[in-house]
Amino acid sequence: MDDELRSRLDALEVKVDAAYNAAEKVRKYLFWTGVVTVALVVLPAVGLVFAIPSFISTYSSLSDLSQ
């Protein structure tokens, strides 16, 4: 009975290690997905917050010249 229990515990340990490795891969994948999302969405949006007023002031000064 002891040998059977030991073999079942060893098999269970292998499965737990495999599940841990899979969870770590998913964690890394989600982390890099968040980093790419921030780089492609949030940073350009923050840049537009500063760029749009500059464009508006340039456009309004150009429309004042045409009158």
N, C-alpha and C. Protein backbone atom coordinates (compact mmCIF):
# COMPACT_ATOMS: atom_id res chain seq x y z
N MET A 1 0.83 -1.19 0.00
CA MET A 1 0.00 0.00 0.00
C MET A 1 0.87 1.25 0.00
N ASP A 2 1.98 1.22 0.68
CA ASP A 2 2.85 2.38 0.74
C ASP A 2 3.44 2.71 -0.64
N ASP A 3 3.80 1.70 -1.39
CA ASP A 3 4.37 1.93 -2.72
C ASP A 3 3.32 2.52 -3.66
N GLU A 4 2.11 2.04 -3.56
CA GLU A 4 1.04 2.56 -4.40
C GLU A 4 0.74 4.02 -4.06
N LEU A 5 0.71 4.33 -2.78
CA LEU A 5 0.46 5.70 -2.35
C LEU A 5 1.59 6.61 -2.81
N ARG A 6 2.81 6.12 -2.70
CA ARG A 6 3.97 6.93 -3.12
C ARG A 6 3.93 7.21 -4.62
N SER A 7 3.57 6.23 -5.41
CA SER A 7 3.50 6.42 -6.86
C SER A 7 2.38 7.39 -7.23
N ARG A 8 1.27 7.32 -6.52
CA ARG A 8 0.17 8.26 -6.78
C ARG A 8 0.55 9.68 -6.39
N LEU A 9 1.29 9.82 -5.29
CA LEU A 9 1.75 11.15 -4.88
C LEU A 9 2.75 11.72 -5.88
N ASP A 10 3.63 10.86 -6.41
CA ASP A 10 4.58 11.32 -7.42
C ASP A 10 3.86 11.77 -8.69
N ALA A 11 2.86 11.00 -9.10
CA ALA A 11 2.08 11.38 -10.28
C ALA A 11 1.34 12.69 -10.04
N LEU A 12 0.83 12.86 -8.86
CA LEU A 12 0.13 14.10 -8.52
C LEU A 12 1.09 15.29 -8.51
N GLU A 13 2.29 15.07 -8.03
CA GLU A 13 3.29 16.14 -8.02
C GLU A 13 3.66 16.57 -9.43
N VAL A 14 3.76 15.63 -10.34
CA VAL A 14 4.06 15.95 -11.74
C VAL A 14 2.93 16.79 -12.33
N LYS A 15 1.70 16.43 -12.03
CA LYS A 15 0.55 17.19 -12.55
C LYS A 15 0.50 18.59 -11.96
N VAL A 16 0.82 18.72 -10.69
CA VAL A 16 0.82 20.04 -10.05
C VAL A 16 1.90 20.92 -10.67
N ASP A 17 3.07 20.35 -10.92
CA ASP A 17 4.14 21.12 -11.57
C ASP A 17 3.73 21.57 -12.97
N ALA A 18 3.06 20.70 -13.71
CA ALA A 18 2.61 21.06 -15.05
C ALA A 18 1.57 22.18 -14.98
N ALA A 19 0.67 22.11 -14.02
CA ALA A 19 -0.34 23.17 -13.88
C ALA A 19 0.31 24.49 -13.49
N TYR A 20 1.32 24.44 -12.64
CA TYR A 20 2.02 25.66 -12.24
C TYR A 20 2.73 26.29 -13.45
N ASN A 21 3.37 25.46 -14.25
CA ASN A 21 4.06 25.99 -15.44
C ASN A 21 3.07 26.61 -16.42
N ALA A 22 1.93 25.99 -16.59
CA ALA A 22 0.91 26.54 -17.48
C ALA A 22 0.38 27.87 -16.94
N ALA A 23 0.18 27.95 -15.64
CA ALA A 23 -0.31 29.20 -15.04
C ALA A 23 0.72 30.31 -15.18
N GLU A 24 1.99 29.98 -15.06
CA GLU A 24 3.04 30.99 -15.22
C GLU A 24 3.09 31.50 -16.66
N LYS A 25 2.90 30.62 -17.63
CA LYS A 25 2.87 31.04 -19.03
C LYS A 25 1.70 31.98 -19.29
N VAL A 26 0.55 31.67 -18.72
CA VAL A 26 -0.63 32.53 -18.88
C VAL A 26 -0.40 33.88 -18.21
N ARG A 27 0.22 33.88 -17.05
CA ARG A 27 0.51 35.13 -16.34
C ARG A 27 1.43 36.02 -17.17
N LYS A 28 2.47 35.43 -17.73
CA LYS A 28 3.40 36.21 -18.57
C LYS A 28 2.71 36.73 -19.82
N TYR A 29 1.86 35.90 -20.42
CA TYR A 29 1.12 36.32 -21.60
C TYR A 29 0.21 37.51 -21.28
N LEU A 30 -0.50 37.44 -20.18
CA LEU A 30 -1.40 38.54 -19.80
C LEU A 30 -0.61 39.80 -19.46
N PHE A 31 0.55 39.64 -18.84
CA PHE A 31 1.38 40.81 -18.52
C PHE A 31 1.81 41.52 -19.79
N TRP A 32 2.32 40.75 -20.76
CA TRP A 32 2.79 41.39 -21.99
C TRP A 32 1.64 41.92 -22.83
N THR A 33 0.47 41.31 -22.74
CA THR A 33 -0.69 41.86 -23.41
C THR A 33 -1.04 43.23 -22.83
N GLY A 34 -0.95 43.35 -21.51
CA GLY A 34 -1.20 44.65 -20.87
C GLY A 34 -0.17 45.69 -21.26
N VAL A 35 1.07 45.30 -21.34
CA VAL A 35 2.13 46.24 -21.72
C VAL A 35 1.91 46.74 -23.15
N VAL A 36 1.59 45.84 -24.06
CA VAL A 36 1.36 46.23 -25.45
C VAL A 36 0.12 47.11 -25.55
N THR A 37 -0.91 46.81 -24.78
CA THR A 37 -2.12 47.63 -24.79
C THR A 37 -1.82 49.04 -24.32
N VAL A 38 -1.06 49.16 -23.25
CA VAL A 38 -0.69 50.49 -22.77
C VAL A 38 0.13 51.23 -23.82
N ALA A 39 1.07 50.53 -24.44
CA ALA A 39 1.93 51.18 -25.42
C ALA A 39 1.16 51.62 -26.66
N LEU A 40 0.17 50.85 -27.08
CA LEU A 40 -0.53 51.16 -28.32
C LEU A 40 -1.80 51.99 -28.15
N VAL A 41 -2.35 52.06 -26.94
CA VAL A 41 -3.61 52.78 -26.75
C VAL A 41 -3.44 53.96 -25.79
N VAL A 42 -2.92 53.72 -24.63
CA VAL A 42 -2.89 54.75 -23.60
C VAL A 42 -1.87 55.83 -23.92
N LEU A 43 -0.66 55.46 -24.31
CA LEU A 43 0.36 56.47 -24.59
C LEU A 43 -0.01 57.40 -25.74
N PRO A 44 -0.54 56.89 -26.87
CA PRO A 44 -1.00 57.83 -27.90
C PRO A 44 -2.16 58.71 -27.44
N ALA A 45 -3.04 58.19 -26.61
CA ALA A 45 -4.15 59.01 -26.10
C ALA A 45 -3.63 60.14 -25.24
N VAL A 46 -2.64 59.86 -24.41
CA VAL A 46 -2.04 60.91 -23.58
C VAL A 46 -1.34 61.92 -24.47
N GLY A 47 -0.68 61.45 -25.52
CA GLY A 47 -0.04 62.37 -26.46
C GLY A 47 -1.04 63.28 -27.15
N LEU A 48 -2.20 62.74 -27.48
CA LEU A 48 -3.23 63.56 -28.13
C LEU A 48 -3.76 64.64 -27.20
N VAL A 49 -3.76 64.38 -25.91
CA VAL A 49 -4.21 65.40 -24.96
C VAL A 49 -3.35 66.65 -25.08
N PHE A 50 -2.07 66.45 -25.36
CA PHE A 50 -1.18 67.61 -25.51
C PHE A 50 -1.12 68.13 -26.94
N ALA A 51 -1.35 67.27 -27.92
CA ALA A 51 -1.23 67.67 -29.32
C ALA A 51 -2.47 68.40 -29.83
N ILE A 52 -3.65 68.00 -29.41
CA ILE A 52 -4.88 68.60 -29.94
C ILE A 52 -4.98 70.10 -29.63
N PRO A 53 -4.69 70.55 -28.41
CA PRO A 53 -4.73 72.00 -28.19
C PRO A 53 -3.74 72.77 -29.08
N SER A 54 -2.59 72.18 -29.34
CA SER A 54 -1.62 72.82 -30.22
C SER A 54 -2.17 72.92 -31.64
N PHE A 55 -2.79 71.86 -32.13
CA PHE A 55 -3.38 71.89 -33.46
C PHE A 55 -4.51 72.90 -33.55
N ILE A 56 -5.33 72.97 -32.51
CA ILE A 56 -6.46 73.90 -32.51
C ILE A 56 -5.96 75.34 -32.54
N SER A 57 -4.95 75.62 -31.75
CA SER A 57 -4.44 77.00 -31.74
C SER A 57 -3.79 77.35 -33.08
N THR A 58 -3.11 76.41 -33.70
CA THR A 58 -2.51 76.66 -35.01
C THR A 58 -3.60 76.87 -36.05
N TYR A 59 -4.62 76.05 -36.02
CA TYR A 59 -5.71 76.17 -36.99
C TYR A 59 -6.47 77.48 -36.80
N SER A 60 -6.71 77.87 -35.56
CA SER A 60 -7.44 79.11 -35.32
C SER A 60 -6.60 80.31 -35.73
N SER A 61 -5.30 80.26 -35.55
CA SER A 61 -4.47 81.37 -36.00
C SER A 61 -4.42 81.44 -37.52
N LEU A 62 -4.47 80.32 -38.20
CA LEU A 62 -4.51 80.31 -39.65
C LEU A 62 -5.85 80.84 -40.17
N SER A 63 -6.94 80.52 -39.50
CA SER A 63 -8.24 81.02 -39.95
C SER A 63 -8.36 82.51 -39.68
N ASP A 64 -7.67 83.05 -38.69
CA ASP A 64 -7.68 84.49 -38.45
C ASP A 64 -6.94 85.22 -39.57
N LEU A 65 -5.91 84.59 -40.12
CA LEU A 65 -5.16 85.23 -41.21
C LEU A 65 -5.95 85.30 -42.50
N SER A 66 -6.84 84.34 -42.71
CA SER A 66 -7.60 84.33 -43.98
C SER A 66 -8.73 85.34 -43.97
N GLN A 67 -9.08 85.91 -42.86
CA GLN A 67 -10.21 86.87 -42.82
C GLN A 67 -9.76 88.24 -43.13
